[in-house]
Amino acid sequence: MEGTNPGNTPAQPNPINHLTFFWGKQVEILFPGFPDQNLALYVLSLFFVAVLAATVEVLKTTEVGKKRENPRTAWLIQTGLHMLRVGLTYMVMLSVMSYNIGIFLAAVTGHTVGFLVSRRPVTPPAQPLLKERIHSIDSSSMEAV
């Protein structure tokens, strides 16, 4: 093989692999050649990453299997859910590592929506104090009688 010397040929940079954040539809997400500069597939991948991130947040608060009578079954269900959550989390992480700003924003939006959907609102701290005051007022009025 005369004339070919792979050791001396400089590496050609791949224009798709960015090392800084960028904006655009020319990106590879999870699979080689996807979305392949297709705007519709890029928007679909943004939606897919957002749904993955939201699913991760919902799975964090899932109570499935915790109230089972058989502790071994509950343990297996919780282990399976943990495995699914970790796998989805790594898929979101790998998507964000494409350094595309749109993918990053889709992941953050997905995590935010998932958090809002899966968490209960925090009760205001004034409610327990209100109950204590009502109880003390009732007991003081009973003493006066």
N, C-alpha and C. Protein backbone atom coordinates (compact mmCIF):
# COMPACT_ATOMS: atom_id res chain seq x y z
N MET A 1 0.84 -1.17 0.00
CA MET A 1 0.00 0.00 0.00
C MET A 1 0.88 1.22 0.00
N GLU A 2 1.40 1.49 -1.11
CA GLU A 2 2.31 2.59 -1.26
C GLU A 2 1.53 3.89 -1.38
N GLY A 3 2.00 4.90 -0.72
CA GLY A 3 1.36 6.21 -0.81
C GLY A 3 0.35 6.47 0.29
N THR A 4 -0.01 5.48 1.09
CA THR A 4 -0.96 5.70 2.19
C THR A 4 -0.19 5.61 3.50
N ASN A 5 -0.26 6.63 4.27
CA ASN A 5 0.40 6.66 5.56
C ASN A 5 -0.58 7.25 6.57
N PRO A 6 -1.42 6.37 7.17
CA PRO A 6 -2.45 6.90 8.06
C PRO A 6 -1.88 7.57 9.30
N GLY A 7 -0.64 7.28 9.66
CA GLY A 7 -0.05 7.89 10.84
C GLY A 7 0.25 9.36 10.66
N ASN A 8 0.47 9.81 9.43
CA ASN A 8 0.83 11.20 9.19
C ASN A 8 -0.33 12.06 8.71
N THR A 9 -1.49 11.49 8.50
CA THR A 9 -2.62 12.28 8.03
C THR A 9 -3.27 12.99 9.21
N PRO A 10 -3.50 14.30 9.08
CA PRO A 10 -4.13 15.01 10.20
C PRO A 10 -5.60 14.62 10.33
N ALA A 11 -6.07 14.62 11.56
CA ALA A 11 -7.48 14.28 11.82
C ALA A 11 -8.36 15.41 11.31
N GLN A 12 -9.38 15.06 10.56
CA GLN A 12 -10.32 16.04 10.06
C GLN A 12 -11.40 16.28 11.12
N PRO A 13 -11.62 17.53 11.51
CA PRO A 13 -12.66 17.78 12.52
C PRO A 13 -14.03 17.52 11.94
N ASN A 14 -14.87 16.93 12.75
CA ASN A 14 -16.25 16.66 12.37
C ASN A 14 -17.07 17.92 12.67
N PRO A 15 -17.70 18.53 11.68
CA PRO A 15 -18.43 19.78 11.94
C PRO A 15 -19.64 19.59 12.83
N ILE A 16 -20.10 18.38 13.04
CA ILE A 16 -21.29 18.17 13.87
C ILE A 16 -20.91 18.10 15.35
N ASN A 17 -19.71 17.64 15.68
CA ASN A 17 -19.29 17.51 17.08
C ASN A 17 -18.75 18.84 17.58
N HIS A 18 -19.57 19.56 18.33
CA HIS A 18 -19.20 20.86 18.86
C HIS A 18 -18.67 20.69 20.27
N LEU A 19 -17.80 21.59 20.68
CA LEU A 19 -17.29 21.56 22.04
C LEU A 19 -17.79 22.75 22.86
N THR A 20 -18.62 23.57 22.27
CA THR A 20 -19.25 24.68 22.97
C THR A 20 -20.73 24.69 22.60
N PHE A 21 -21.54 25.40 23.39
CA PHE A 21 -22.96 25.48 23.08
C PHE A 21 -23.18 26.22 21.77
N PHE A 22 -24.13 25.76 21.01
CA PHE A 22 -24.46 26.38 19.73
C PHE A 22 -25.96 26.25 19.50
N TRP A 23 -26.47 27.05 18.59
CA TRP A 23 -27.88 27.01 18.23
C TRP A 23 -27.99 26.59 16.78
N GLY A 24 -28.81 25.61 16.50
CA GLY A 24 -29.02 25.18 15.13
C GLY A 24 -29.58 23.77 15.08
N LYS A 25 -30.06 23.41 13.90
CA LYS A 25 -30.65 22.07 13.74
C LYS A 25 -29.65 21.04 13.27
N GLN A 26 -28.42 21.45 12.98
CA GLN A 26 -27.39 20.51 12.55
C GLN A 26 -26.75 19.91 13.80
N VAL A 27 -27.32 18.82 14.26
CA VAL A 27 -26.90 18.21 15.51
C VAL A 27 -27.14 16.71 15.44
N GLU A 28 -26.34 15.95 16.18
CA GLU A 28 -26.59 14.51 16.35
C GLU A 28 -27.03 14.29 17.78
N ILE A 29 -28.18 13.64 17.94
CA ILE A 29 -28.73 13.39 19.26
C ILE A 29 -28.94 11.90 19.43
N LEU A 30 -28.21 11.30 20.33
CA LEU A 30 -28.31 9.90 20.73
C LEU A 30 -27.91 8.90 19.64
N PHE A 31 -28.25 9.15 18.39
CA PHE A 31 -27.98 8.20 17.32
C PHE A 31 -27.27 8.89 16.17
N PRO A 32 -26.32 8.23 15.53
CA PRO A 32 -25.63 8.87 14.39
C PRO A 32 -26.61 9.18 13.25
N GLY A 33 -26.51 10.37 12.72
CA GLY A 33 -27.36 10.77 11.61
C GLY A 33 -28.75 11.22 11.99
N PHE A 34 -29.03 11.36 13.29
CA PHE A 34 -30.36 11.79 13.71
C PHE A 34 -30.24 13.15 14.38
N PRO A 35 -30.97 14.13 14.04
CA PRO A 35 -32.09 14.29 13.13
C PRO A 35 -31.70 14.64 11.69
N ASP A 36 -30.43 14.67 11.36
CA ASP A 36 -29.96 14.80 9.98
C ASP A 36 -30.46 16.08 9.30
N GLN A 37 -30.32 17.21 9.95
CA GLN A 37 -30.66 18.54 9.43
C GLN A 37 -32.11 18.67 8.98
N ASN A 38 -32.98 17.84 9.48
CA ASN A 38 -34.40 17.90 9.16
C ASN A 38 -35.09 18.65 10.30
N LEU A 39 -35.74 19.77 9.98
CA LEU A 39 -36.36 20.60 11.01
C LEU A 39 -37.46 19.86 11.77
N ALA A 40 -38.26 19.08 11.07
CA ALA A 40 -39.35 18.35 11.73
C ALA A 40 -38.78 17.33 12.72
N LEU A 41 -37.73 16.63 12.33
CA LEU A 41 -37.12 15.66 13.24
C LEU A 41 -36.41 16.36 14.40
N TYR A 42 -35.87 17.54 14.15
CA TYR A 42 -35.24 18.30 15.23
C TYR A 42 -36.27 18.71 16.27
N VAL A 43 -37.43 19.20 15.82
CA VAL A 43 -38.50 19.58 16.75
C VAL A 43 -39.01 18.35 17.49
N LEU A 44 -39.12 17.22 16.79
CA LEU A 44 -39.54 15.98 17.43
C LEU A 44 -38.52 15.56 18.50
N SER A 45 -37.25 15.71 18.22
CA SER A 45 -36.23 15.34 19.21
C SER A 45 -36.26 16.29 20.40
N LEU A 46 -36.58 17.57 20.19
CA LEU A 46 -36.74 18.49 21.31
C LEU A 46 -37.88 18.03 22.22
N PHE A 47 -39.00 17.66 21.61
CA PHE A 47 -40.15 17.16 22.36
C PHE A 47 -39.79 15.87 23.10
N PHE A 48 -39.07 14.98 22.43
CA PHE A 48 -38.66 13.69 23.02
C PHE A 48 -37.77 13.90 24.25
N VAL A 49 -36.82 14.81 24.16
CA VAL A 49 -35.93 15.08 25.30
C VAL A 49 -36.72 15.69 26.44
N ALA A 50 -37.65 16.58 26.14
CA ALA A 50 -38.46 17.19 27.19
C ALA A 50 -39.32 16.14 27.89
N VAL A 51 -39.90 15.23 27.14
CA VAL A 51 -40.71 14.16 27.73
C VAL A 51 -39.84 13.23 28.57
N LEU A 52 -38.65 12.90 28.09
CA LEU A 52 -37.74 12.07 28.88
C LEU A 52 -37.41 12.73 30.21
N ALA A 53 -37.08 14.02 30.17
CA ALA A 53 -36.74 14.73 31.40
C ALA A 53 -37.93 14.81 32.36
N ALA A 54 -39.12 15.05 31.83
CA ALA A 54 -40.32 15.10 32.68
C ALA A 54 -40.59 13.73 33.30
N THR A 55 -40.39 12.68 32.53
CA THR A 55 -40.60 11.32 33.04
C THR A 55 -39.64 11.02 34.18
N VAL A 56 -38.40 11.48 34.07
CA VAL A 56 -37.42 11.28 35.15
C VAL A 56 -37.92 11.92 36.44
N GLU A 57 -38.44 13.13 36.35
CA GLU A 57 -38.93 13.82 37.55
C GLU A 57 -40.16 13.13 38.13
N VAL A 58 -41.04 12.64 37.29
CA VAL A 58 -42.23 11.95 37.79
C VAL A 58 -41.83 10.63 38.46
N LEU A 59 -40.87 9.93 37.89
CA LEU A 59 -40.43 8.66 38.48
C LEU A 59 -39.76 8.85 39.83
N LYS A 60 -39.22 10.03 40.09
CA LYS A 60 -38.59 10.29 41.40
C LYS A 60 -39.60 10.24 42.53
N THR A 61 -40.85 10.57 42.25
CA THR A 61 -41.86 10.64 43.30
C THR A 61 -42.89 9.53 43.22
N THR A 62 -42.64 8.54 42.39
CA THR A 62 -43.61 7.47 42.21
C THR A 62 -43.69 6.61 43.47
N GLU A 63 -44.90 6.35 43.89
CA GLU A 63 -45.16 5.55 45.09
C GLU A 63 -45.51 4.10 44.75
N VAL A 64 -45.36 3.70 43.51
CA VAL A 64 -45.75 2.35 43.09
C VAL A 64 -44.89 1.33 43.83
N GLY A 65 -45.53 0.36 44.40
CA GLY A 65 -44.83 -0.73 45.05
C GLY A 65 -44.50 -0.51 46.50
N LYS A 66 -44.61 0.69 47.01
CA LYS A 66 -44.22 0.96 48.40
C LYS A 66 -45.24 0.43 49.40
N LYS A 67 -46.50 0.27 48.97
CA LYS A 67 -47.55 -0.15 49.90
C LYS A 67 -47.98 -1.59 49.65
N ARG A 68 -47.09 -2.39 49.16
CA ARG A 68 -47.40 -3.80 48.91
C ARG A 68 -47.26 -4.58 50.21
N GLU A 69 -48.03 -5.67 50.29
CA GLU A 69 -47.95 -6.53 51.47
C GLU A 69 -46.67 -7.35 51.47
N ASN A 70 -46.25 -7.77 50.29
CA ASN A 70 -45.04 -8.57 50.17
C ASN A 70 -43.85 -7.63 49.99
N PRO A 71 -42.93 -7.58 50.96
CA PRO A 71 -41.80 -6.64 50.84
C PRO A 71 -40.86 -6.98 49.68
N ARG A 72 -40.78 -8.25 49.33
CA ARG A 72 -39.90 -8.64 48.22
C ARG A 72 -40.44 -8.10 46.90
N THR A 73 -41.75 -8.15 46.71
CA THR A 73 -42.36 -7.60 45.50
C THR A 73 -42.17 -6.09 45.44
N ALA A 74 -42.38 -5.43 46.57
CA ALA A 74 -42.18 -3.98 46.63
C ALA A 74 -40.73 -3.62 46.30
N TRP A 75 -39.80 -4.40 46.82
CA TRP A 75 -38.38 -4.16 46.57
C TRP A 75 -38.05 -4.33 45.09
N LEU A 76 -38.62 -5.37 44.47
CA LEU A 76 -38.36 -5.60 43.04
C LEU A 76 -38.97 -4.50 42.17
N ILE A 77 -40.15 -4.05 42.51
CA ILE A 77 -40.79 -2.97 41.75
C ILE A 77 -39.99 -1.69 41.89
N GLN A 78 -39.59 -1.35 43.11
CA GLN A 78 -38.80 -0.14 43.32
C GLN A 78 -37.44 -0.22 42.62
N THR A 79 -36.83 -1.41 42.60
CA THR A 79 -35.56 -1.59 41.90
C THR A 79 -35.73 -1.40 40.40
N GLY A 80 -36.80 -1.93 39.84
CA GLY A 80 -37.08 -1.76 38.41
C GLY A 80 -37.32 -0.30 38.05
N LEU A 81 -38.07 0.41 38.90
CA LEU A 81 -38.32 1.83 38.65
C LEU A 81 -37.04 2.65 38.75
N HIS A 82 -36.18 2.28 39.70
CA HIS A 82 -34.90 2.98 39.83
C HIS A 82 -34.04 2.75 38.59
N MET A 83 -34.02 1.52 38.10
CA MET A 83 -33.24 1.21 36.90
C MET A 83 -33.77 2.02 35.70
N LEU A 84 -35.07 2.10 35.56
CA LEU A 84 -35.67 2.87 34.47
C LEU A 84 -35.33 4.36 34.60
N ARG A 85 -35.42 4.89 35.82
CA ARG A 85 -35.13 6.31 36.04
C ARG A 85 -33.67 6.64 35.74
N VAL A 86 -32.75 5.78 36.17
CA VAL A 86 -31.33 6.02 35.90
C VAL A 86 -31.04 5.94 34.41
N GLY A 87 -31.64 4.98 33.72
CA GLY A 87 -31.44 4.86 32.28
C GLY A 87 -31.95 6.07 31.53
N LEU A 88 -33.13 6.55 31.90
CA LEU A 88 -33.68 7.74 31.25
C LEU A 88 -32.85 8.99 31.58
N THR A 89 -32.34 9.06 32.81
CA THR A 89 -31.50 10.19 33.18
C THR A 89 -30.23 10.23 32.34
N TYR A 90 -29.62 9.07 32.11
CA TYR A 90 -28.43 9.03 31.27
C TYR A 90 -28.75 9.40 29.82
N MET A 91 -29.93 9.02 29.33
CA MET A 91 -30.31 9.41 27.97
C MET A 91 -30.47 10.92 27.86
N VAL A 92 -31.04 11.56 28.88
CA VAL A 92 -31.16 13.02 28.87
C VAL A 92 -29.77 13.65 28.92
N MET A 93 -28.90 13.09 29.76
CA MET A 93 -27.54 13.63 29.87
C MET A 93 -26.80 13.53 28.53
N LEU A 94 -26.91 12.38 27.87
CA LEU A 94 -26.24 12.21 26.58
C LEU A 94 -26.82 13.16 25.53
N SER A 95 -28.10 13.42 25.60
CA SER A 95 -28.71 14.37 24.67
C SER A 95 -28.16 15.77 24.89
N VAL A 96 -28.05 16.17 26.14
CA VAL A 96 -27.53 17.50 26.46
C VAL A 96 -26.06 17.62 26.05
N MET A 97 -25.35 16.51 26.05
CA MET A 97 -23.95 16.55 25.64
C MET A 97 -23.76 16.79 24.15
N SER A 98 -24.83 16.96 23.41
CA SER A 98 -24.72 17.38 22.01
C SER A 98 -24.37 18.87 21.95
N TYR A 99 -24.42 19.57 23.08
CA TYR A 99 -24.10 20.99 23.21
C TYR A 99 -25.03 21.89 22.39
N ASN A 100 -26.21 21.41 22.10
CA ASN A 100 -27.19 22.21 21.37
C ASN A 100 -28.04 22.95 22.38
N ILE A 101 -28.17 24.25 22.19
CA ILE A 101 -28.93 25.07 23.14
C ILE A 101 -30.41 24.65 23.17
N GLY A 102 -30.96 24.30 22.03
CA GLY A 102 -32.35 23.86 21.99
C GLY A 102 -32.58 22.60 22.80
N ILE A 103 -31.66 21.64 22.69
CA ILE A 103 -31.77 20.40 23.46
C ILE A 103 -31.61 20.69 24.95
N PHE A 104 -30.68 21.57 25.29
CA PHE A 104 -30.48 21.94 26.68
C PHE A 104 -31.75 22.57 27.26
N LEU A 105 -32.34 23.51 26.53
CA LEU A 105 -33.56 24.16 27.00
C LEU A 105 -34.73 23.18 27.08
N ALA A 106 -34.79 22.22 26.15
CA ALA A 106 -35.84 21.21 26.20
C ALA A 106 -35.69 20.34 27.45
N ALA A 107 -34.45 19.98 27.80
CA ALA A 107 -34.21 19.16 28.99
C ALA A 107 -34.58 19.92 30.26
N VAL A 108 -34.19 21.19 30.34
CA VAL A 108 -34.51 21.99 31.52
C VAL A 108 -36.03 22.19 31.63
N THR A 109 -36.67 22.46 30.52
CA THR A 109 -38.12 22.62 30.51
C THR A 109 -38.82 21.33 30.92
N GLY A 110 -38.35 20.21 30.41
CA GLY A 110 -38.93 18.93 30.78
C GLY A 110 -38.80 18.63 32.25
N HIS A 111 -37.61 18.88 32.81
CA HIS A 111 -37.42 18.66 34.25
C HIS A 111 -38.33 19.59 35.05
N THR A 112 -38.49 20.82 34.61
CA THR A 112 -39.34 21.77 35.32
C THR A 112 -40.81 21.34 35.29
N VAL A 113 -41.29 20.98 34.12
CA VAL A 113 -42.68 20.54 34.00
C VAL A 113 -42.91 19.25 34.80
N GLY A 114 -41.98 18.33 34.73
CA GLY A 114 -42.11 17.10 35.51
C GLY A 114 -42.14 17.36 37.00
N PHE A 115 -41.33 18.31 37.46
CA PHE A 115 -41.33 18.68 38.87
C PHE A 115 -42.66 19.29 39.27
N LEU A 116 -43.18 20.20 38.43
CA LEU A 116 -44.47 20.83 38.73
C LEU A 116 -45.61 19.83 38.77
N VAL A 117 -45.58 18.85 37.89
CA VAL A 117 -46.65 17.87 37.81
C VAL A 117 -46.58 16.88 38.97
N SER A 118 -45.38 16.50 39.37
CA SER A 118 -45.25 15.39 40.32
C SER A 118 -45.17 15.81 41.77
N ARG A 119 -44.92 17.06 42.05
CA ARG A 119 -44.79 17.50 43.45
C ARG A 119 -46.05 18.20 43.91
N ARG A 120 -46.37 18.01 45.19
CA ARG A 120 -47.50 18.72 45.77
C ARG A 120 -47.04 20.11 46.22
N PRO A 121 -47.93 21.07 46.17
CA PRO A 121 -47.55 22.40 46.66
C PRO A 121 -47.23 22.36 48.14
N VAL A 122 -46.30 23.17 48.55
CA VAL A 122 -45.90 23.23 49.95
C VAL A 122 -46.99 23.96 50.72
N THR A 123 -47.37 23.38 51.86
CA THR A 123 -48.39 24.04 52.68
C THR A 123 -47.76 25.24 53.37
N PRO A 124 -48.47 26.32 53.47
CA PRO A 124 -47.91 27.50 54.12
C PRO A 124 -47.67 27.24 55.60
N PRO A 125 -46.59 27.76 56.16
CA PRO A 125 -46.28 27.48 57.56
C PRO A 125 -47.24 28.14 58.53
N ALA A 126 -48.10 29.04 58.09
CA ALA A 126 -49.02 29.73 58.99
C ALA A 126 -50.14 28.81 59.46
N GLN A 127 -50.44 27.75 58.73
CA GLN A 127 -51.55 26.89 59.11
C GLN A 127 -51.34 26.20 60.46
N PRO A 128 -50.18 25.59 60.74
CA PRO A 128 -50.03 24.97 62.06
C PRO A 128 -50.11 26.01 63.18
N LEU A 129 -49.57 27.20 62.98
CA LEU A 129 -49.66 28.24 64.00
C LEU A 129 -51.10 28.65 64.23
N LEU A 130 -51.89 28.72 63.16
CA LEU A 130 -53.29 29.09 63.27
C LEU A 130 -54.04 28.05 64.10
N LYS A 131 -53.75 26.77 63.87
CA LYS A 131 -54.42 25.72 64.64
C LYS A 131 -54.06 25.82 66.12
N GLU A 132 -52.77 26.13 66.41
CA GLU A 132 -52.35 26.26 67.81
C GLU A 132 -53.06 27.45 68.47
N ARG A 133 -53.21 28.55 67.77
CA ARG A 133 -53.88 29.72 68.33
C ARG A 133 -55.35 29.44 68.59
N ILE A 134 -55.99 28.76 67.66
CA ILE A 134 -57.41 28.42 67.84
C ILE A 134 -57.55 27.51 69.05
N HIS A 135 -56.64 26.54 69.18
CA HIS A 135 -56.70 25.62 70.31
C HIS A 135 -56.47 26.38 71.62
N SER A 136 -55.50 27.31 71.64
CA SER A 136 -55.24 28.06 72.88
C SER A 136 -56.40 29.00 73.21
N ILE A 137 -57.05 29.56 72.19
CA ILE A 137 -58.21 30.42 72.43
C ILE A 137 -59.36 29.60 73.00
N ASP A 138 -59.57 28.38 72.44
CA ASP A 138 -60.65 27.52 72.94
C ASP A 138 -60.38 27.10 74.37
N SER A 139 -59.14 26.74 74.68
CA SER A 139 -58.83 26.31 76.04
C SER A 139 -58.89 27.46 77.03
N SER A 140 -58.50 28.67 76.63
CA SER A 140 -58.57 29.83 77.55
C SER A 140 -60.02 30.23 77.79
N SER A 141 -60.86 30.09 76.76
CA SER A 141 -62.27 30.44 76.95
C SER A 141 -62.94 29.40 77.83
N MET A 142 -62.47 28.18 77.79
CA MET A 142 -63.04 27.13 78.66
C MET A 142 -62.64 27.37 80.09
N GLU A 143 -61.43 27.91 80.32
CA GLU A 143 -60.98 28.19 81.69
C GLU A 143 -61.76 29.35 82.30
N ALA A 144 -62.15 30.28 81.48
CA ALA A 144 -62.89 31.44 81.97
C ALA A 144 -64.30 31.06 82.44
N VAL A 145 -64.81 29.94 81.96
CA VAL A 145 -66.18 29.55 82.31
C VAL A 145 -66.23 28.86 83.61
